[in-house]
Amino acid sequence: MITHIVFVKFTPGSTEEQKKKWRIEIAALKDKIPTIKNLIVGDKVGVPRGPVLDGGWEDAALVMFDTEEEYRAYVTTDAHAAYKAATAGIVGDKLIYNIQS
């Protein structure tokens, strides 16, 4: 299984509504790309002691695929390109991290 982890920082001045749009757009990929086995977005949870050590990343999503080939195909889909275009104005920075399990 490949887990594609996306962390984002929003542009300065992004509204809560715009941040919600990012979640809606990325979550919608599950219905548009059949090779996505699972997709998770959710609220950030603090740690029991001390501050959250999040490096300033504001939101994240986990996108799971059965195989690396399915992940690589996902990156080239029209739906993925449309998601990136729809959210480009509010995503100031992103970190992509993929793991295989």
N, C-alpha and C. Protein backbone atom coordinates (compact mmCIF):
# COMPACT_ATOMS: atom_id res chain seq x y z
N MET A 1 0.84 -1.18 0.00
CA MET A 1 0.00 0.00 0.00
C MET A 1 0.89 1.24 0.00
N ILE A 2 0.49 2.24 -0.77
CA ILE A 2 1.16 3.53 -0.80
C ILE A 2 0.25 4.54 -0.11
N THR A 3 0.81 5.25 0.87
CA THR A 3 0.09 6.35 1.50
C THR A 3 0.77 7.64 1.09
N HIS A 4 0.01 8.47 0.43
CA HIS A 4 0.44 9.77 -0.09
C HIS A 4 -0.04 10.80 0.92
N ILE A 5 0.91 11.46 1.61
CA ILE A 5 0.57 12.40 2.67
C ILE A 5 0.84 13.81 2.15
N VAL A 6 -0.17 14.65 2.25
CA VAL A 6 -0.09 16.02 1.77
C VAL A 6 -0.28 16.96 2.96
N PHE A 7 0.73 17.78 3.24
CA PHE A 7 0.62 18.83 4.25
C PHE A 7 0.56 20.16 3.53
N VAL A 8 -0.27 21.09 4.02
CA VAL A 8 -0.35 22.40 3.39
C VAL A 8 -0.25 23.53 4.41
N LYS A 9 0.30 24.64 3.92
CA LYS A 9 0.24 25.92 4.61
C LYS A 9 -0.53 26.83 3.66
N PHE A 10 -1.47 27.57 4.21
CA PHE A 10 -2.30 28.43 3.38
C PHE A 10 -1.63 29.80 3.20
N THR A 11 -2.03 30.48 2.15
CA THR A 11 -1.49 31.80 1.88
C THR A 11 -1.96 32.77 2.97
N PRO A 12 -1.15 33.78 3.26
CA PRO A 12 -1.58 34.78 4.25
C PRO A 12 -2.91 35.39 3.82
N GLY A 13 -3.79 35.56 4.77
CA GLY A 13 -5.09 36.14 4.47
C GLY A 13 -6.14 35.16 3.99
N SER A 14 -5.79 33.88 3.88
CA SER A 14 -6.79 32.89 3.48
C SER A 14 -7.89 32.83 4.54
N THR A 15 -9.12 32.83 4.10
CA THR A 15 -10.25 32.79 5.02
C THR A 15 -10.55 31.35 5.44
N GLU A 16 -11.32 31.20 6.49
CA GLU A 16 -11.73 29.86 6.92
C GLU A 16 -12.53 29.18 5.81
N GLU A 17 -13.32 29.95 5.10
CA GLU A 17 -14.10 29.39 3.99
C GLU A 17 -13.18 28.85 2.89
N GLN A 18 -12.12 29.57 2.59
CA GLN A 18 -11.16 29.11 1.58
C GLN A 18 -10.43 27.85 2.06
N LYS A 19 -10.11 27.79 3.33
CA LYS A 19 -9.45 26.61 3.89
C LYS A 19 -10.38 25.40 3.82
N LYS A 20 -11.66 25.62 4.07
CA LYS A 20 -12.64 24.53 3.94
C LYS A 20 -12.71 24.06 2.49
N LYS A 21 -12.58 25.02 1.56
CA LYS A 21 -12.61 24.66 0.13
C LYS A 21 -11.49 23.68 -0.20
N TRP A 22 -10.30 23.89 0.38
CA TRP A 22 -9.19 22.96 0.14
C TRP A 22 -9.59 21.55 0.55
N ARG A 23 -10.18 21.42 1.74
CA ARG A 23 -10.61 20.10 2.21
C ARG A 23 -11.66 19.49 1.29
N ILE A 24 -12.61 20.29 0.89
CA ILE A 24 -13.68 19.80 0.01
C ILE A 24 -13.09 19.32 -1.31
N GLU A 25 -12.19 20.11 -1.88
CA GLU A 25 -11.59 19.76 -3.18
C GLU A 25 -10.76 18.48 -3.09
N ILE A 26 -9.93 18.35 -2.05
CA ILE A 26 -9.10 17.15 -1.98
C ILE A 26 -9.95 15.93 -1.63
N ALA A 27 -10.95 16.09 -0.76
CA ALA A 27 -11.81 14.96 -0.39
C ALA A 27 -12.60 14.46 -1.60
N ALA A 28 -12.96 15.36 -2.50
CA ALA A 28 -13.75 14.99 -3.68
C ALA A 28 -12.98 14.09 -4.63
N LEU A 29 -11.65 14.06 -4.52
CA LEU A 29 -10.86 13.21 -5.41
C LEU A 29 -11.21 11.73 -5.24
N LYS A 30 -11.62 11.33 -4.04
CA LYS A 30 -11.95 9.91 -3.81
C LYS A 30 -13.08 9.44 -4.73
N ASP A 31 -14.03 10.31 -5.00
CA ASP A 31 -15.14 9.95 -5.88
C ASP A 31 -14.80 10.09 -7.36
N LYS A 32 -13.72 10.79 -7.66
CA LYS A 32 -13.35 11.05 -9.05
C LYS A 32 -12.26 10.13 -9.57
N ILE A 33 -11.49 9.52 -8.67
CA ILE A 33 -10.35 8.69 -9.08
C ILE A 33 -10.52 7.32 -8.44
N PRO A 34 -10.92 6.32 -9.21
CA PRO A 34 -11.26 5.02 -8.64
C PRO A 34 -10.11 4.27 -7.99
N THR A 35 -8.87 4.61 -8.31
CA THR A 35 -7.75 3.89 -7.70
C THR A 35 -7.44 4.37 -6.28
N ILE A 36 -8.07 5.45 -5.84
CA ILE A 36 -7.91 5.88 -4.44
C ILE A 36 -8.70 4.92 -3.57
N LYS A 37 -8.00 4.21 -2.69
CA LYS A 37 -8.65 3.23 -1.82
C LYS A 37 -9.24 3.87 -0.58
N ASN A 38 -8.60 4.92 -0.09
CA ASN A 38 -9.10 5.64 1.07
C ASN A 38 -8.50 7.04 1.03
N LEU A 39 -9.22 7.99 1.58
CA LEU A 39 -8.74 9.36 1.65
C LEU A 39 -9.24 9.94 2.96
N ILE A 40 -8.31 10.48 3.74
CA ILE A 40 -8.65 10.99 5.07
C ILE A 40 -8.23 12.45 5.19
N VAL A 41 -9.16 13.29 5.61
CA VAL A 41 -8.86 14.65 6.06
C VAL A 41 -9.58 14.82 7.39
N GLY A 42 -9.06 15.66 8.25
CA GLY A 42 -9.71 15.84 9.55
C GLY A 42 -9.08 16.98 10.31
N ASP A 43 -9.63 17.22 11.47
CA ASP A 43 -9.15 18.32 12.30
C ASP A 43 -7.87 17.94 13.02
N LYS A 44 -6.98 18.92 13.13
CA LYS A 44 -5.72 18.73 13.85
C LYS A 44 -6.03 18.50 15.33
N VAL A 45 -5.32 17.55 15.93
CA VAL A 45 -5.50 17.22 17.34
C VAL A 45 -4.20 17.55 18.06
N GLY A 46 -4.31 18.21 19.19
CA GLY A 46 -3.13 18.54 19.97
C GLY A 46 -2.54 17.32 20.65
N VAL A 47 -1.38 17.52 21.23
CA VAL A 47 -0.72 16.45 21.98
C VAL A 47 -1.04 16.63 23.45
N PRO A 48 -0.98 15.54 24.26
CA PRO A 48 -1.35 15.65 25.67
C PRO A 48 -0.51 16.65 26.46
N ARG A 49 0.75 16.78 26.11
CA ARG A 49 1.63 17.68 26.86
C ARG A 49 2.27 18.67 25.89
N GLY A 50 2.17 19.93 26.21
CA GLY A 50 2.88 20.93 25.44
C GLY A 50 2.22 21.27 24.12
N PRO A 51 2.92 22.09 23.35
CA PRO A 51 2.36 22.57 22.08
C PRO A 51 2.39 21.48 21.00
N VAL A 52 1.56 21.67 20.01
CA VAL A 52 1.58 20.80 18.84
C VAL A 52 2.86 21.09 18.07
N LEU A 53 3.61 20.06 17.76
CA LEU A 53 4.86 20.22 17.00
C LEU A 53 4.56 19.97 15.53
N ASP A 54 3.92 20.95 14.90
CA ASP A 54 3.43 20.75 13.53
C ASP A 54 4.23 21.49 12.48
N GLY A 55 5.27 22.19 12.88
CA GLY A 55 6.09 22.90 11.91
C GLY A 55 5.35 23.97 11.14
N GLY A 56 4.20 24.38 11.63
CA GLY A 56 3.43 25.41 10.95
C GLY A 56 2.50 24.90 9.86
N TRP A 57 2.50 23.59 9.62
CA TRP A 57 1.60 23.02 8.62
C TRP A 57 0.18 23.13 9.16
N GLU A 58 -0.74 23.61 8.33
CA GLU A 58 -2.08 23.94 8.79
C GLU A 58 -3.11 22.85 8.54
N ASP A 59 -2.90 22.03 7.55
CA ASP A 59 -3.87 20.98 7.25
C ASP A 59 -3.14 19.85 6.55
N ALA A 60 -3.80 18.70 6.49
CA ALA A 60 -3.17 17.52 5.88
C ALA A 60 -4.23 16.58 5.36
N ALA A 61 -3.80 15.73 4.44
CA ALA A 61 -4.65 14.67 3.91
C ALA A 61 -3.79 13.44 3.69
N LEU A 62 -4.40 12.28 3.87
CA LEU A 62 -3.75 11.01 3.57
C LEU A 62 -4.55 10.35 2.46
N VAL A 63 -3.86 9.98 1.39
CA VAL A 63 -4.51 9.37 0.23
C VAL A 63 -3.85 8.02 0.02
N MET A 64 -4.63 6.93 0.04
CA MET A 64 -4.07 5.58 -0.03
C MET A 64 -4.38 4.88 -1.35
N PHE A 65 -3.37 4.16 -1.82
CA PHE A 65 -3.45 3.39 -3.06
C PHE A 65 -2.93 1.99 -2.79
N ASP A 66 -3.42 1.01 -3.53
CA ASP A 66 -2.92 -0.36 -3.38
C ASP A 66 -1.50 -0.51 -3.88
N THR A 67 -1.17 0.18 -4.98
CA THR A 67 0.15 -0.01 -5.60
C THR A 67 0.79 1.33 -5.95
N GLU A 68 2.09 1.28 -6.16
CA GLU A 68 2.81 2.47 -6.59
C GLU A 68 2.35 2.91 -7.98
N GLU A 69 2.02 1.95 -8.83
CA GLU A 69 1.55 2.28 -10.17
C GLU A 69 0.25 3.08 -10.11
N GLU A 70 -0.65 2.69 -9.19
CA GLU A 70 -1.91 3.43 -9.04
C GLU A 70 -1.63 4.86 -8.55
N TYR A 71 -0.70 5.01 -7.63
CA TYR A 71 -0.33 6.35 -7.16
C TYR A 71 0.23 7.18 -8.32
N ARG A 72 1.15 6.60 -9.08
CA ARG A 72 1.76 7.35 -10.18
C ARG A 72 0.72 7.73 -11.24
N ALA A 73 -0.26 6.88 -11.46
CA ALA A 73 -1.32 7.20 -12.41
C ALA A 73 -2.20 8.34 -11.88
N TYR A 74 -2.47 8.34 -10.59
CA TYR A 74 -3.27 9.38 -9.95
C TYR A 74 -2.68 10.77 -10.18
N VAL A 75 -1.37 10.87 -10.07
CA VAL A 75 -0.69 12.16 -10.21
C VAL A 75 -0.94 12.78 -11.58
N THR A 76 -1.20 11.96 -12.59
CA THR A 76 -1.37 12.46 -13.96
C THR A 76 -2.83 12.61 -14.37
N THR A 77 -3.77 12.37 -13.46
CA THR A 77 -5.19 12.46 -13.84
C THR A 77 -5.64 13.90 -14.00
N ASP A 78 -6.67 14.06 -14.82
CA ASP A 78 -7.28 15.38 -14.99
C ASP A 78 -7.88 15.87 -13.67
N ALA A 79 -8.45 14.96 -12.88
CA ALA A 79 -9.06 15.35 -11.60
C ALA A 79 -8.01 15.91 -10.65
N HIS A 80 -6.83 15.31 -10.62
CA HIS A 80 -5.75 15.81 -9.75
C HIS A 80 -5.30 17.19 -10.23
N ALA A 81 -5.16 17.36 -11.53
CA ALA A 81 -4.78 18.66 -12.09
C ALA A 81 -5.83 19.72 -11.76
N ALA A 82 -7.10 19.36 -11.84
CA ALA A 82 -8.18 20.30 -11.54
C ALA A 82 -8.17 20.69 -10.07
N TYR A 83 -7.91 19.73 -9.19
CA TYR A 83 -7.80 20.01 -7.75
C TYR A 83 -6.68 21.01 -7.50
N LYS A 84 -5.52 20.78 -8.10
CA LYS A 84 -4.39 21.68 -7.90
C LYS A 84 -4.70 23.08 -8.41
N ALA A 85 -5.35 23.17 -9.56
CA ALA A 85 -5.70 24.48 -10.12
C ALA A 85 -6.73 25.20 -9.24
N ALA A 86 -7.70 24.45 -8.73
CA ALA A 86 -8.76 25.05 -7.91
C ALA A 86 -8.26 25.57 -6.58
N THR A 87 -7.16 25.01 -6.08
CA THR A 87 -6.67 25.39 -4.75
C THR A 87 -5.35 26.16 -4.79
N ALA A 88 -4.83 26.41 -5.97
CA ALA A 88 -3.52 27.05 -6.10
C ALA A 88 -3.45 28.41 -5.42
N GLY A 89 -4.52 29.16 -5.45
CA GLY A 89 -4.51 30.50 -4.88
C GLY A 89 -4.50 30.56 -3.37
N ILE A 90 -4.81 29.44 -2.73
CA ILE A 90 -4.84 29.45 -1.26
C ILE A 90 -3.75 28.58 -0.63
N VAL A 91 -3.11 27.74 -1.41
CA VAL A 91 -2.02 26.91 -0.89
C VAL A 91 -0.71 27.67 -1.07
N GLY A 92 -0.13 28.09 0.05
CA GLY A 92 1.11 28.83 -0.01
C GLY A 92 2.33 27.93 -0.08
N ASP A 93 2.24 26.78 0.57
CA ASP A 93 3.34 25.82 0.59
C ASP A 93 2.75 24.44 0.81
N LYS A 94 3.45 23.43 0.34
CA LYS A 94 2.99 22.06 0.57
C LYS A 94 4.19 21.15 0.76
N LEU A 95 3.95 20.10 1.50
CA LEU A 95 4.94 19.05 1.72
C LEU A 95 4.27 17.75 1.33
N ILE A 96 4.89 17.02 0.43
CA ILE A 96 4.38 15.73 -0.02
C ILE A 96 5.32 14.66 0.51
N TYR A 97 4.75 13.65 1.17
CA TYR A 97 5.55 12.57 1.74
C TYR A 97 4.81 11.28 1.46
N ASN A 98 5.47 10.34 0.81
CA ASN A 98 4.86 9.07 0.46
C ASN A 98 5.54 7.93 1.21
N ILE A 99 4.73 7.01 1.72
CA ILE A 99 5.29 5.83 2.39
C ILE A 99 4.66 4.57 1.81
N GLN A 100 5.43 3.50 1.85
CA GLN A 100 4.94 2.20 1.40
C GLN A 100 4.85 1.29 2.61
N SER A 101 3.74 0.58 2.73
CA SER A 101 3.57 -0.33 3.86
C SER A 101 3.06 -1.67 3.39
